[in-house]
Structures are given as C-alpha cells and as structure tokens.
Amino acid sequence: MSEVHGKFSGDSEYYAAEKYGTQYTGKIGEITVPPTQNQLDAQQRFATARQNVVALSEEDKAAYAAAFKKSPGKYKSLQGYIIAQEYAKIGS
C-alpha cells in the first residue's frame, strides 16, 4: 500500500497520513485567505450547474438516466452524473 490518510473521526480537526513510509499528522485549520478569482469562478459555475439540474424537465432527467445506465463512467450516482454533465456544458 503506497498511501493511507484520513481524519481520526468524522468531527475531528486532526488528521493522519502515511505516504511512501513517511508519517504525517496535523490539524485542519480554517482558511485564512480570501478565495482567488479562479475559485470564485468555479463556485459560480457549480452553482449555475446546480440551478440547471433543478430546472431540468422530466424528459431531460429520463434522458440522463438512460445515458447513465448505459455508460456511468466514473460516476457512482445519477445525481453526480447529471451535475457533471451540466457543469461540462458551462465550460471553464
């Protein structure tokens, strides 16, 4: 195994990781710098994609469900698949 990582518990603010034999521990801190313009743009694209998903017609949802059933790719849920497709339509 080349890598192990995770928090000590679900609500823990401490984490542990081991990568290639080196062990790391640390405390998860608050982000102290404002988001960059690229991060704000990504947040806005995701919010737009989410709004587009909510506004989909039943026919569009059925079409996405059929496409997901045929070829889910890396997605494990239909909702994740639909959001990814809508996000890709927006572009970067």
Protein backbone atom coordinates (compact mmCIF):
# COMPACT_ATOMS: atom_id res chain seq x y z
CA MET A 1 0.00 0.00 0.00
CA SER A 2 1.50 3.32 -1.03
CA GLU A 3 -0.77 5.73 0.84
CA VAL A 4 -3.11 5.90 3.84
CA HIS A 5 -4.82 9.06 5.06
CA GLY A 6 -7.84 10.38 6.94
CA LYS A 7 -9.23 12.11 9.97
CA PHE A 8 -9.28 10.40 13.36
CA SER A 9 -13.08 10.67 13.47
CA GLY A 10 -15.83 12.33 11.49
CA ASP A 11 -15.78 15.54 13.52
CA SER A 12 -12.08 15.56 14.33
CA GLU A 13 -9.93 18.52 13.40
CA TYR A 14 -6.80 16.36 13.32
CA TYR A 15 -5.65 14.10 10.52
CA ALA A 16 -3.02 11.45 9.93
CA ALA A 17 -1.43 10.33 6.71
CA GLU A 18 1.26 7.92 5.61
CA LYS A 19 2.78 8.13 2.17
CA TYR A 20 5.70 6.01 0.99
CA GLY A 21 6.74 5.18 4.54
CA THR A 22 6.64 8.74 5.89
CA GLN A 23 4.01 9.52 8.52
CA TYR A 24 2.34 12.92 8.77
CA THR A 25 -0.08 14.35 11.31
CA GLY A 26 -1.60 17.76 11.55
CA LYS A 27 -4.50 19.96 12.49
CA ILE A 28 -7.05 21.07 9.96
CA GLY A 29 -7.28 24.83 10.19
CA GLU A 30 -9.64 27.49 8.98
CA ILE A 31 -8.86 29.05 5.62
CA THR A 32 -7.45 32.46 6.43
CA VAL A 33 -7.06 33.93 2.94
CA PRO A 34 -9.89 35.07 0.69
CA PRO A 35 -10.73 32.85 -2.28
CA THR A 36 -8.94 33.55 -5.54
CA GLN A 37 -10.84 34.70 -8.61
CA ASN A 38 -10.48 31.21 -10.13
CA GLN A 39 -12.03 29.68 -7.01
CA LEU A 40 -14.90 32.17 -7.09
CA ASP A 41 -15.45 31.42 -10.79
CA ALA A 42 -15.54 27.67 -10.09
CA GLN A 43 -18.04 28.22 -7.27
CA GLN A 44 -20.26 30.25 -9.58
CA ARG A 45 -20.07 27.63 -12.36
CA PHE A 46 -21.05 24.91 -9.88
CA ALA A 47 -23.95 27.00 -8.54
CA THR A 48 -25.15 27.59 -12.11
CA ALA A 49 -24.86 23.87 -12.92
CA ARG A 50 -26.85 23.03 -9.78
CA GLN A 51 -29.58 25.51 -10.76
CA ASN A 52 -29.68 23.96 -14.23
CA VAL A 53 -30.13 20.50 -12.69
CA VAL A 54 -33.03 21.68 -10.54
CA ALA A 55 -34.69 23.22 -13.61
CA LEU A 56 -34.43 20.07 -15.76
CA SER A 57 -37.65 18.69 -17.23
CA GLU A 58 -38.73 15.13 -16.56
CA GLU A 59 -37.81 14.24 -20.14
CA ASP A 60 -34.28 15.57 -19.67
CA LYS A 61 -33.93 13.65 -16.40
CA ALA A 62 -35.09 10.47 -18.12
CA ALA A 63 -32.58 11.01 -20.93
CA TYR A 64 -29.77 11.47 -18.40
CA ALA A 65 -30.92 8.35 -16.53
CA ALA A 66 -30.79 6.30 -19.72
CA ALA A 67 -27.33 7.63 -20.61
CA PHE A 68 -26.11 6.93 -17.07
CA LYS A 69 -27.47 3.40 -17.13
CA LYS A 70 -25.79 2.74 -20.46
CA SER A 71 -22.41 4.19 -19.53
CA PRO A 72 -21.96 5.58 -16.00
CA GLY A 73 -18.25 6.16 -16.46
CA LYS A 74 -16.59 7.16 -13.20
CA TYR A 75 -19.84 8.30 -11.55
CA LYS A 76 -21.48 6.25 -8.81
CA SER A 77 -24.75 8.16 -8.63
CA LEU A 78 -27.16 9.55 -11.18
CA GLN A 79 -27.17 12.92 -9.40
CA GLY A 80 -23.37 13.18 -9.62
CA TYR A 81 -23.51 12.22 -13.30
CA ILE A 82 -26.13 14.86 -14.10
CA ILE A 83 -24.28 17.63 -12.24
CA ALA A 84 -21.05 16.74 -14.04
CA GLN A 85 -22.77 16.84 -17.43
CA GLU A 86 -24.35 20.22 -16.69
CA TYR A 87 -21.05 21.57 -15.33
CA ALA A 88 -19.29 20.44 -18.53
CA LYS A 89 -21.86 22.37 -20.61
CA ILE A 90 -20.88 25.59 -18.82
CA GLY A 91 -17.17 25.14 -19.57
CA SER A 92 -14.27 26.73 -17.77
